[in-house]
């Protein structure tokens, strides 16, 4: 249970770097970058702590185009299905969905 709390705490800590106005939502491109960054930090912390870190799933997508938008065709279907992100009409992702995606990415094999 302590590891679960640490995982959530890391999700919140990294989110604050992306959502400085505390709106609890990010544009899709930023949310995908958040998921990558957070999952990598969690994985690195597990390795450094001597824990049994599962292999991290490679995103294999180009994070942003020149305009700062996601090229949806660049996201592999398997990766998108695993994340299960819910995007609103303005192409924003809420914190809860992004944090769940981080957890899914960390445990996916």
C-alpha atoms as a PDB file:
ATOM      1  CA  UNK A   1       0.000   0.000   0.000  1.00  0.00           C
ATOM      2  CA  UNK A   2       2.946   2.311   0.661  1.00  0.00           C
ATOM      3  CA  UNK A   3       4.164   1.799  -2.925  1.00  0.00           C
ATOM      4  CA  UNK A   4       0.712   2.738  -4.202  1.00  0.00           C
ATOM      5  CA  UNK A   5       0.805   6.003  -2.254  1.00  0.00           C
ATOM      6  CA  UNK A   6       4.303   6.763  -3.572  1.00  0.00           C
ATOM      7  CA  UNK A   7       3.105   6.148  -7.126  1.00  0.00           C
ATOM      8  CA  UNK A   8       0.178   8.549  -6.721  1.00  0.00           C
ATOM      9  CA  UNK A   9       2.413  11.109  -5.014  1.00  0.00           C
ATOM     10  CA  UNK A  10       4.830  10.991  -7.957  1.00  0.00           C
ATOM     11  CA  UNK A  11       1.924  11.456 -10.384  1.00  0.00           C
ATOM     12  CA  UNK A  12       0.825  14.567  -8.479  1.00  0.00           C
ATOM     13  CA  UNK A  13       4.383  15.901  -8.179  1.00  0.00           C
ATOM     14  CA  UNK A  14       5.073  15.621 -11.916  1.00  0.00           C
ATOM     15  CA  UNK A  15       1.600  16.947 -12.823  1.00  0.00           C
ATOM     16  CA  UNK A  16       2.363  20.200 -10.991  1.00  0.00           C
ATOM     17  CA  UNK A  17       5.247  20.801 -13.387  1.00  0.00           C
ATOM     18  CA  UNK A  18       2.876  20.615 -16.357  1.00  0.00           C
ATOM     19  CA  UNK A  19      -0.236  22.246 -14.875  1.00  0.00           C
ATOM     20  CA  UNK A  20       1.142  25.332 -13.145  1.00  0.00           C
ATOM     21  CA  UNK A  21      -2.320  26.954 -12.951  1.00  0.00           C
ATOM     22  CA  UNK A  22      -3.888  23.861 -11.324  1.00  0.00           C
ATOM     23  CA  UNK A  23      -6.664  23.480 -13.890  1.00  0.00           C
ATOM     24  CA  UNK A  24      -6.418  19.670 -13.587  1.00  0.00           C
ATOM     25  CA  UNK A  25      -6.431  19.322 -17.367  1.00  0.00           C
ATOM     26  CA  UNK A  26      -3.772  19.417 -20.064  1.00  0.00           C
ATOM     27  CA  UNK A  27      -3.804  19.537 -23.850  1.00  0.00           C
ATOM     28  CA  UNK A  28      -3.444  16.046 -25.292  1.00  0.00           C
ATOM     29  CA  UNK A  29       0.155  16.609 -26.447  1.00  0.00           C
ATOM     30  CA  UNK A  30       1.185  17.772 -22.972  1.00  0.00           C
ATOM     31  CA  UNK A  31      -0.731  14.925 -21.321  1.00  0.00           C
ATOM     32  CA  UNK A  32       1.102  12.352 -23.436  1.00  0.00           C
ATOM     33  CA  UNK A  33       4.425  13.959 -22.570  1.00  0.00           C
ATOM     34  CA  UNK A  34       3.412  13.971 -18.873  1.00  0.00           C
ATOM     35  CA  UNK A  35       2.619  10.253 -19.055  1.00  0.00           C
ATOM     36  CA  UNK A  36       6.035   9.523 -20.594  1.00  0.00           C
ATOM     37  CA  UNK A  37       7.937  11.669 -18.104  1.00  0.00           C
ATOM     38  CA  UNK A  38       6.083  10.402 -15.062  1.00  0.00           C
ATOM     39  CA  UNK A  39       6.354   6.734 -16.047  1.00  0.00           C
ATOM     40  CA  UNK A  40      10.084   7.110 -16.683  1.00  0.00           C
ATOM     41  CA  UNK A  41      10.637   8.818 -13.310  1.00  0.00           C
ATOM     42  CA  UNK A  42       8.664   6.130 -11.486  1.00  0.00           C
ATOM     43  CA  UNK A  43      10.585   3.391 -13.286  1.00  0.00           C
ATOM     44  CA  UNK A  44      13.932   5.047 -12.476  1.00  0.00           C
ATOM     45  CA  UNK A  45      12.958   5.383  -8.809  1.00  0.00           C
ATOM     46  CA  UNK A  46      11.990   1.705  -8.650  1.00  0.00           C
ATOM     47  CA  UNK A  47      15.337   0.717 -10.172  1.00  0.00           C
ATOM     48  CA  UNK A  48      17.289   2.972  -7.804  1.00  0.00           C
ATOM     49  CA  UNK A  49      15.396   1.659  -4.785  1.00  0.00           C
ATOM     50  CA  UNK A  50      16.394  -1.898  -5.533  1.00  0.00           C
ATOM     51  CA  UNK A  51      12.817  -2.832  -6.349  1.00  0.00           C
ATOM     52  CA  UNK A  52      11.764  -5.175  -9.085  1.00  0.00           C
ATOM     53  CA  UNK A  53      10.861  -2.608 -11.738  1.00  0.00           C
ATOM     54  CA  UNK A  54       8.906  -4.095 -14.630  1.00  0.00           C
ATOM     55  CA  UNK A  55      10.223  -3.218 -18.074  1.00  0.00           C
ATOM     56  CA  UNK A  56       8.699   0.106 -19.095  1.00  0.00           C
ATOM     57  CA  UNK A  57       6.602   0.134 -22.234  1.00  0.00           C
ATOM     58  CA  UNK A  58       8.181   2.253 -24.940  1.00  0.00           C
ATOM     59  CA  UNK A  59       5.846   4.978 -26.182  1.00  0.00           C
ATOM     60  CA  UNK A  60       7.225   4.866 -29.738  1.00  0.00           C
ATOM     61  CA  UNK A  61       5.459   8.025 -30.861  1.00  0.00           C
ATOM     62  CA  UNK A  62       6.591  11.499 -31.779  1.00  0.00           C
ATOM     63  CA  UNK A  63       5.440  13.652 -28.898  1.00  0.00           C
ATOM     64  CA  UNK A  64       4.622  16.881 -30.725  1.00  0.00           C
ATOM     65  CA  UNK A  65       4.445  18.391 -34.161  1.00  0.00           C
ATOM     66  CA  UNK A  66       5.673  21.902 -34.873  1.00  0.00           C
ATOM     67  CA  UNK A  67       2.312  23.379 -33.832  1.00  0.00           C
ATOM     68  CA  UNK A  68       2.385  21.565 -30.487  1.00  0.00           C
ATOM     69  CA  UNK A  69      -0.387  19.197 -31.474  1.00  0.00           C
ATOM     70  CA  UNK A  70      -0.348  15.442 -31.522  1.00  0.00           C
ATOM     71  CA  UNK A  71      -0.283  13.630 -34.830  1.00  0.00           C
ATOM     72  CA  UNK A  72      -2.787  10.948 -33.833  1.00  0.00           C
ATOM     73  CA  UNK A  73      -1.630   8.671 -36.631  1.00  0.00           C
ATOM     74  CA  UNK A  74       1.795   8.485 -34.961  1.00  0.00           C
ATOM     75  CA  UNK A  75       0.422   6.844 -31.795  1.00  0.00           C
ATOM     76  CA  UNK A  76       0.465   3.041 -32.072  1.00  0.00           C
ATOM     77  CA  UNK A  77      -2.987   1.495 -31.576  1.00  0.00           C
ATOM     78  CA  UNK A  78      -1.700  -0.919 -28.922  1.00  0.00           C
ATOM     79  CA  UNK A  79      -0.254   1.993 -26.924  1.00  0.00           C
ATOM     80  CA  UNK A  80      -3.422   4.074 -27.257  1.00  0.00           C
ATOM     81  CA  UNK A  81      -5.605   1.168 -26.148  1.00  0.00           C
ATOM     82  CA  UNK A  82      -3.391   0.540 -23.143  1.00  0.00           C
ATOM     83  CA  UNK A  83      -3.542   4.195 -22.027  1.00  0.00           C
ATOM     84  CA  UNK A  84      -7.344   4.439 -22.400  1.00  0.00           C
ATOM     85  CA  UNK A  85      -7.179   8.237 -22.258  1.00  0.00           C
ATOM     86  CA  UNK A  86     -10.420  10.156 -22.313  1.00  0.00           C
ATOM     87  CA  UNK A  87     -10.170  13.421 -24.206  1.00  0.00           C
ATOM     88  CA  UNK A  88     -12.750  16.208 -23.992  1.00  0.00           C
ATOM     89  CA  UNK A  89     -14.120  18.244 -26.910  1.00  0.00           C
ATOM     90  CA  UNK A  90     -11.223  20.702 -26.606  1.00  0.00           C
ATOM     91  CA  UNK A  91      -8.640  17.862 -26.846  1.00  0.00           C
ATOM     92  CA  UNK A  92      -7.714  18.120 -23.145  1.00  0.00           C
ATOM     93  CA  UNK A  93      -7.092  15.276 -20.687  1.00  0.00           C
ATOM     94  CA  UNK A  94      -8.063  15.465 -17.017  1.00  0.00           C
ATOM     95  CA  UNK A  95      -5.598  14.586 -14.265  1.00  0.00           C
ATOM     96  CA  UNK A  96      -7.393  11.426 -13.137  1.00  0.00           C
ATOM     97  CA  UNK A  97      -7.320   9.869 -16.597  1.00  0.00           C
ATOM     98  CA  UNK A  98      -3.684  10.848 -17.127  1.00  0.00           C
ATOM     99  CA  UNK A  99      -2.631   9.423 -13.750  1.00  0.00           C
ATOM    100  CA  UNK A 100      -4.423   6.152 -14.509  1.00  0.00           C
ATOM    101  CA  UNK A 101      -2.598   6.036 -17.844  1.00  0.00           C
ATOM    102  CA  UNK A 102       0.731   6.455 -16.019  1.00  0.00           C
ATOM    103  CA  UNK A 103      -0.119   3.517 -13.769  1.00  0.00           C
ATOM    104  CA  UNK A 104      -1.177   1.400 -16.742  1.00  0.00           C
ATOM    105  CA  UNK A 105       2.036   2.253 -18.557  1.00  0.00           C
ATOM    106  CA  UNK A 106       4.125   1.361 -15.521  1.00  0.00           C
ATOM    107  CA  UNK A 107       2.551  -2.065 -15.106  1.00  0.00           C
ATOM    108  CA  UNK A 108       2.085  -2.964 -18.792  1.00  0.00           C
ATOM    109  CA  UNK A 109       4.452  -5.586 -20.095  1.00  0.00           C
END
